[in-house]
Amino acid sequence: MATEVKQSVEQTQQTQHLTMIQAINDGLKTVLEQDETTLILGEDVGKNGGVFRATDGLQEQFGIDRVIDTPLSESGIIGTAVGLAVNGLKPIAEIQFMGFIYPAFDQIMTHVSRIRMRTMGHYAVPMVIRAPYGAGVRAPEIHSDSAEAIFTHMPGIKVVCPASPYDAKGLLIAAVEDPDPVIYMEPMGLYRSVREEVPIEAYSVAIGKGRIRTEGKDITLITWGAMVPLVEKVAKQMETNGISCEVLDLRTLYPIDVDLIAESVRKTGRAVIVHEAPRTGGLGNDIISIINDTAFLYMKAPIERVTGFDVPVPFYSLEQHYLPTPKRIEQAIEKVMDY
């Protein structure tokens, strides 16, 4: 269904050929133009246009009151955004790297996620926290973390993660329009790796809805973010070996698309989950529980996970060994198929 909607949009709207970082920039520009209560704040987002140039040109166009350079204080950025949000604005807070988000953990956990409940619905926190994440770009230490599981375990916060330029713009607009806080994870490894047709006009990709990237009948491969192109590549290779893989891109990590997962696994009877975050406590564990709850009697083999290891992301000379590889994914698929 998501593919059909996308094709319909592209047939009726003028498009532009963008990378993911360009699509994010275009999405930010779109929401700033649409709603004067929307603003951006973060380290280097203004004059420098962000460390990855996601906000390039926006301060020049919208002014220093709406694209705001902040001090180097993640806790201060999020705390300020909370104050802005409860007073009727829609802040988009940038954390330069997900590994830098930990000083803001207290603000996110004790305020961002709870104000709607704490005030019995009198106040909402319509804010977005953008956080580039992931290894494979040869960044320094604490720049490559994939910490989504921390935030999917915070009731009150939604977590999204695009894997394409089209979804990047659409999910960003949806996140800004949402009345509740959203963590918007940006896979750094995909920022400039691929281009895609993206509508010039505003559109949204529904939060809470995943997408079937590749149809298949033998096994379901479940992933998100930077792992999606890798898994698609492996699925194509397995096709030559006579194994038909269905690839699911979750897009939203909370609330997760339970129906999409259940329907696919009931069809194939087999599943492999791929994510770059550590294995222990990773989101893959929750997905296994979803499959057990909704499709257990359809299973033909135990579920396999291909993940990062239970160590901090290593320095760049070793980070490729840390990340899931095509060989590890192929081995997991073969193990499930041979069960």
Protein backbone atom coordinates (compact mmCIF):
# COMPACT_ATOMS: atom_id res chain seq x y z
CA MET A 1 0.00 0.00 0.00
CA ALA A 2 2.81 2.43 0.87
CA THR A 3 4.43 1.77 -2.51
CA GLU A 4 1.13 2.43 -4.29
CA VAL A 5 0.66 5.72 -2.43
CA LYS A 6 4.20 6.78 -3.25
CA GLN A 7 3.75 5.99 -6.95
CA SER A 8 0.45 7.88 -6.99
CA VAL A 9 2.05 10.97 -5.41
CA GLU A 10 4.94 10.93 -7.85
CA GLN A 11 2.56 10.69 -10.79
CA THR A 12 0.59 13.75 -9.72
CA GLN A 13 3.30 16.01 -8.29
CA GLN A 14 6.42 17.55 -9.67
CA THR A 15 9.48 15.89 -8.19
CA GLN A 16 13.17 16.59 -7.64
CA HIS A 17 16.09 14.13 -7.59
CA LEU A 18 17.48 14.37 -4.05
CA THR A 19 19.84 12.68 -1.66
CA MET A 20 18.58 11.99 1.86
CA ILE A 21 20.35 15.01 3.35
CA GLN A 22 18.84 17.21 0.63
CA ALA A 23 15.39 15.73 1.31
CA ILE A 24 15.76 16.49 5.03
CA ASN A 25 16.79 20.06 4.21
CA ASP A 26 13.81 20.37 1.88
CA GLY A 27 11.50 18.97 4.57
CA LEU A 28 12.78 21.47 7.12
CA LYS A 29 12.32 24.30 4.65
CA THR A 30 8.78 23.09 3.93
CA VAL A 31 7.68 23.06 7.58
CA LEU A 32 9.28 26.44 8.27
CA GLU A 33 7.38 27.92 5.33
CA GLN A 34 4.08 26.29 6.30
CA ASP A 35 3.97 27.16 9.99
CA GLU A 36 5.48 30.25 11.61
CA THR A 37 5.43 28.55 15.01
CA THR A 38 8.03 26.05 13.79
CA LEU A 39 11.69 26.74 14.54
CA ILE A 40 15.03 24.92 14.59
CA LEU A 41 17.61 24.98 17.36
CA GLY A 42 20.92 23.22 17.84
CA GLU A 43 24.68 23.43 17.68
CA ASP A 44 25.91 25.01 14.42
CA VAL A 45 22.52 24.72 12.71
CA GLY A 46 22.46 28.38 11.70
CA LYS A 47 25.52 30.06 10.27
CA ASN A 48 27.28 26.79 9.40
CA GLY A 49 24.17 24.97 8.23
CA GLY A 50 24.79 21.98 10.49
CA VAL A 51 27.69 19.56 10.63
CA PHE A 52 26.16 17.61 7.71
CA ARG A 53 24.59 20.72 6.10
CA ALA A 54 21.06 19.51 6.85
CA THR A 55 20.07 23.09 7.73
CA ASP A 56 22.18 24.77 5.06
CA GLY A 57 20.70 28.10 3.93
CA LEU A 58 17.77 28.03 6.35
CA GLN A 59 18.98 30.72 8.74
CA GLU A 60 19.67 33.01 5.81
CA GLN A 61 16.13 32.47 4.54
CA PHE A 62 14.18 32.43 7.82
CA GLY A 63 16.34 34.48 10.18
CA ILE A 64 18.15 33.97 13.45
CA ASP A 65 14.92 33.89 15.47
CA ARG A 66 13.75 30.71 13.75
CA VAL A 67 17.05 28.90 13.03
CA ILE A 68 18.95 29.29 16.27
CA ASP A 69 22.56 28.45 17.06
CA THR A 70 22.79 27.19 20.63
CA PRO A 71 25.60 26.62 23.14
CA LEU A 72 27.21 23.17 23.28
CA SER A 73 24.71 21.77 25.76
CA GLU A 74 22.43 18.92 24.73
CA SER A 75 20.53 19.13 28.00
CA GLY A 76 20.05 22.85 27.44
CA ILE A 77 18.87 22.33 23.85
CA ILE A 78 16.21 19.81 24.85
CA GLY A 79 15.19 21.71 27.99
CA THR A 80 14.73 24.88 25.96
CA ALA A 81 12.76 22.99 23.32
CA VAL A 82 10.41 21.66 26.01
CA GLY A 83 9.71 25.19 27.22
CA LEU A 84 9.06 26.37 23.68
CA ALA A 85 6.75 23.42 22.95
CA VAL A 86 4.52 23.80 26.00
CA ASN A 87 4.13 27.48 25.14
CA GLY A 88 2.67 26.85 21.71
CA LEU A 89 5.71 26.58 19.42
CA LYS A 90 6.96 23.58 17.44
CA PRO A 91 10.70 23.27 18.01
CA ILE A 92 12.93 20.96 15.97
CA ALA A 93 15.98 20.26 18.10
CA GLU A 94 19.09 18.91 16.44
CA ILE A 95 21.51 16.68 18.33
CA GLN A 96 24.66 16.59 16.20
CA PHE A 97 25.20 12.85 16.72
CA MET A 98 23.06 10.33 18.57
CA GLY A 99 26.07 9.54 20.73
CA PHE A 100 25.83 13.08 22.09
CA ILE A 101 22.24 12.68 23.25
CA TYR A 102 23.02 11.10 26.62
CA PRO A 103 23.45 14.38 28.55
CA ALA A 104 19.86 15.16 27.52
CA PHE A 105 18.53 11.80 28.71
CA ASP A 106 17.11 13.28 31.91
CA GLN A 107 15.22 15.98 30.04
CA ILE A 108 13.83 13.48 27.52
CA MET A 109 12.87 10.82 30.05
CA THR A 110 11.48 12.98 32.83
CA HIS A 111 9.94 15.86 30.86
CA VAL A 112 9.59 15.30 27.10
CA SER A 113 7.92 11.90 27.46
CA ARG A 114 5.72 12.69 30.46
CA ILE A 115 4.28 16.19 30.27
CA ARG A 116 1.06 15.17 28.52
CA MET A 117 0.39 12.54 31.20
CA ARG A 118 1.67 14.67 34.08
CA THR A 119 -0.68 17.53 33.17
CA MET A 120 -3.61 15.21 32.41
CA GLY A 121 -3.62 16.33 28.80
CA HIS A 122 -3.57 20.07 29.46
CA TYR A 123 -0.12 20.42 27.86
CA ALA A 124 1.48 18.63 24.96
CA VAL A 125 5.08 18.64 23.73
CA PRO A 126 4.91 18.92 19.92
CA MET A 127 8.66 18.78 19.34
CA VAL A 128 11.04 16.80 17.12
CA ILE A 129 14.51 15.68 18.12
CA ARG A 130 16.70 15.02 15.07
CA ALA A 131 19.66 12.72 15.71
CA PRO A 132 22.11 11.41 13.08
CA TYR A 133 23.11 7.88 14.03
CA GLY A 134 25.08 4.83 12.96
CA ALA A 135 28.50 3.48 12.13
CA GLY A 136 30.23 3.04 8.80
CA VAL A 137 31.16 6.68 8.13
CA ARG A 138 34.56 6.62 9.86
CA ALA A 139 33.53 9.06 12.58
CA PRO A 140 35.36 9.45 15.91
CA GLU A 141 34.33 7.68 19.10
CA ILE A 142 30.84 8.44 20.51
CA HIS A 143 29.72 9.62 17.06
CA SER A 144 28.35 6.31 15.72
CA ASP A 145 25.92 4.96 18.32
CA SER A 146 22.59 3.37 17.40
CA ALA A 147 20.58 3.87 20.59
CA GLU A 148 17.01 3.57 19.36
CA ALA A 149 16.06 0.92 21.94
CA ILE A 150 16.55 3.46 24.74
CA PHE A 151 13.81 5.64 23.30
CA THR A 152 11.40 2.92 22.16
CA HIS A 153 11.20 2.02 25.85
CA MET A 154 10.03 5.52 26.81
CA PRO A 155 6.21 5.60 26.64
CA GLY A 156 5.11 8.98 25.33
CA ILE A 157 7.74 9.34 22.60
CA LYS A 158 7.49 8.19 19.00
CA VAL A 159 10.60 7.02 17.14
CA VAL A 160 10.98 7.10 13.36
CA CYS A 161 13.88 6.19 11.07
CA PRO A 162 13.76 6.76 7.30
CA ALA A 163 15.79 4.69 4.86
CA SER A 164 15.21 6.70 1.68
CA PRO A 165 15.04 10.36 0.60
CA TYR A 166 11.30 10.08 -0.06
CA ASP A 167 10.58 8.74 3.41
CA ALA A 168 13.02 11.20 4.99
CA LYS A 169 11.01 14.23 3.89
CA GLY A 170 7.62 12.64 4.43
CA LEU A 171 8.41 11.31 7.91
CA LEU A 172 9.96 14.63 8.93
CA ILE A 173 6.83 16.56 7.98
CA ALA A 174 4.67 13.99 9.77
CA ALA A 175 6.87 14.25 12.87
CA VAL A 176 6.56 18.04 12.98
CA GLU A 177 2.78 17.83 12.52
CA ASP A 178 2.40 15.24 15.28
CA PRO A 179 1.04 16.63 18.57
CA ASP A 180 3.50 14.57 20.60
CA PRO A 181 7.32 14.36 20.73
CA VAL A 182 9.14 12.40 18.03
CA ILE A 183 12.72 11.14 17.89
CA TYR A 184 13.74 11.42 14.24
CA MET A 185 16.74 9.16 13.59
CA GLU A 186 18.86 9.95 10.53
CA PRO A 187 21.12 7.17 9.18
CA MET A 188 24.38 8.99 8.41
CA GLY A 189 25.52 6.24 6.08
CA LEU A 190 22.61 6.98 3.74
CA TYR A 191 22.89 10.78 3.74
CA ARG A 192 24.53 10.97 0.32
CA SER A 193 24.64 7.37 -0.87
CA VAL A 194 21.52 7.35 -3.03
CA ARG A 195 19.18 9.74 -4.85
CA GLU A 196 15.44 9.40 -5.29
CA GLU A 197 12.53 11.31 -6.76
CA VAL A 198 11.01 13.44 -3.98
CA PRO A 199 7.89 15.59 -4.47
CA ILE A 200 8.49 19.34 -4.34
CA GLU A 201 5.19 19.88 -2.56
CA ALA A 202 4.50 18.97 1.05
CA TYR A 203 3.44 15.39 1.81
CA SER A 204 3.69 13.09 4.80
CA VAL A 205 4.53 9.44 5.43
CA ALA A 206 2.30 8.06 8.17
CA ILE A 207 3.99 7.42 11.51
CA GLY A 208 3.41 3.84 12.65
CA LYS A 209 3.32 2.31 9.18
CA GLY A 210 6.14 0.19 7.76
CA ARG A 211 6.73 -0.69 4.13
CA ILE A 212 7.38 -3.82 2.11
CA ARG A 213 10.51 -2.97 0.14
CA THR A 214 10.75 -6.34 -1.64
CA GLU A 215 7.99 -8.93 -2.03
CA GLY A 216 8.90 -12.52 -1.20
CA LYS A 217 7.44 -15.84 -0.10
CA ASP A 218 10.14 -17.90 1.65
CA ILE A 219 11.47 -15.72 4.48
CA THR A 220 10.84 -12.28 6.00
CA LEU A 221 13.80 -9.95 6.56
CA ILE A 222 12.96 -7.18 9.04
CA THR A 223 15.14 -4.07 9.31
CA TRP A 224 15.25 -0.26 9.27
CA GLY A 225 17.48 2.72 8.55
CA ALA A 226 20.96 2.19 7.20
CA MET A 227 20.55 -1.60 7.13
CA VAL A 228 17.72 -1.48 4.57
CA PRO A 229 19.89 -1.16 1.40
CA LEU A 230 22.25 -3.82 2.74
CA VAL A 231 19.41 -6.26 3.41
CA GLU A 232 17.89 -5.54 0.00
CA LYS A 233 21.23 -6.32 -1.62
CA VAL A 234 21.45 -9.64 0.23
CA ALA A 235 17.83 -10.46 -0.66
CA LYS A 236 18.63 -9.95 -4.33
CA GLN A 237 21.64 -12.24 -4.05
CA MET A 238 19.61 -14.93 -2.28
CA GLU A 239 17.08 -14.78 -5.11
CA THR A 240 19.78 -16.19 -7.41
CA ASN A 241 20.09 -19.08 -4.95
CA GLY A 242 16.39 -19.81 -5.19
CA ILE A 243 15.36 -18.15 -1.91
CA SER A 244 12.59 -15.55 -2.16
CA CYS A 245 13.03 -12.91 0.57
CA GLU A 246 10.43 -10.39 1.69
CA VAL A 247 12.15 -7.24 3.00
CA LEU A 248 10.31 -5.08 5.53
CA ASP A 249 11.44 -1.51 6.26
CA LEU A 250 9.79 -0.65 9.58
CA ARG A 251 10.27 3.14 9.16
CA THR A 252 8.63 3.71 12.57
CA LEU A 253 10.24 1.95 15.52
CA TYR A 254 7.60 3.09 18.00
CA PRO A 255 4.70 2.60 17.61
CA ILE A 256 5.83 -0.37 15.53
CA ASP A 257 3.72 -1.73 12.65
CA VAL A 258 2.60 -5.00 14.28
CA ASP A 259 0.17 -5.86 11.47
CA LEU A 260 2.83 -5.58 8.77
CA ILE A 261 5.19 -7.89 10.65
CA ALA A 262 2.48 -10.40 11.50
CA GLU A 263 1.07 -10.61 7.99
CA SER A 264 4.48 -11.09 6.40
CA VAL A 265 5.70 -13.73 8.85
CA ARG A 266 2.43 -15.63 8.66
CA LYS A 267 2.97 -15.77 4.91
CA THR A 268 6.62 -16.87 4.93
CA GLY A 269 6.86 -18.76 8.22
CA ARG A 270 10.46 -17.63 8.71
CA ALA A 271 12.16 -14.43 9.87
CA VAL A 272 15.56 -12.79 10.22
CA ILE A 273 15.92 -9.44 12.00
CA VAL A 274 18.84 -7.15 11.12
CA HIS A 275 19.93 -4.07 13.09
CA GLU A 276 23.25 -2.41 13.85
CA ALA A 277 22.54 -1.70 17.52
CA PRO A 278 23.92 -4.16 20.09
CA ARG A 279 22.21 -7.53 20.35
CA THR A 280 21.35 -7.46 24.06
CA GLY A 281 18.38 -5.19 24.75
CA GLY A 282 18.03 -4.38 21.06
CA LEU A 283 14.73 -3.73 19.32
CA GLY A 284 15.07 -7.13 17.66
CA ASN A 285 14.03 -8.69 20.97
CA ASP A 286 10.72 -6.82 20.90
CA ILE A 287 10.14 -7.86 17.30
CA ILE A 288 10.66 -11.51 18.26
CA SER A 289 8.01 -11.05 20.96
CA ILE A 290 5.63 -9.53 18.41
CA ILE A 291 6.16 -12.52 16.10
CA ASN A 292 5.62 -14.97 18.96
CA ASP A 293 2.42 -13.15 19.95
CA THR A 294 0.95 -12.90 16.46
CA ALA A 295 2.45 -15.61 14.25
CA PHE A 296 3.93 -18.34 16.45
CA LEU A 297 1.82 -21.17 15.03
CA TYR A 298 2.89 -20.23 11.50
CA MET A 299 6.63 -20.50 12.20
CA LYS A 300 8.69 -23.12 10.36
CA ALA A 301 12.00 -22.26 12.06
CA PRO A 302 13.39 -20.26 14.98
CA ILE A 303 13.96 -16.53 14.38
CA GLU A 304 17.52 -15.34 13.77
CA ARG A 305 19.05 -11.94 14.56
CA VAL A 306 22.02 -10.28 12.86
CA THR A 307 23.13 -7.30 14.93
CA GLY A 308 25.99 -5.21 16.21
CA PHE A 309 27.99 -6.71 19.04
CA ASP A 310 27.62 -6.03 22.76
CA VAL A 311 30.48 -3.53 22.82
CA PRO A 312 30.74 0.22 22.24
CA VAL A 313 31.04 1.02 18.54
CA PRO A 314 34.80 0.62 17.89
CA PHE A 315 37.14 3.09 16.24
CA TYR A 316 36.79 3.34 12.48
CA SER A 317 39.53 0.82 11.70
CA LEU A 318 37.24 -1.86 13.19
CA GLU A 319 33.74 -0.49 12.71
CA GLN A 320 33.08 -2.49 9.53
CA HIS A 321 33.69 -5.65 11.58
CA TYR A 322 31.14 -4.42 14.12
CA LEU A 323 28.35 -3.82 11.60
CA PRO A 324 26.20 -6.61 10.14
CA THR A 325 27.77 -7.83 6.91
CA PRO A 326 26.27 -9.51 3.83
CA LYS A 327 27.98 -12.76 4.82
CA ARG A 328 26.49 -12.75 8.33
CA ILE A 329 23.02 -12.02 6.94
CA GLU A 330 23.34 -14.74 4.30
CA GLN A 331 24.42 -17.24 6.95
CA ALA A 332 21.40 -16.36 9.09
CA ILE A 333 19.05 -16.79 6.13
CA GLU A 334 20.59 -20.14 5.22
CA LYS A 335 20.37 -21.33 8.84
CA VAL A 336 16.67 -20.50 9.00
CA MET A 337 15.96 -22.02 5.60
CA ASP A 338 17.85 -25.23 6.42
CA TYR A 339 16.20 -25.75 9.80
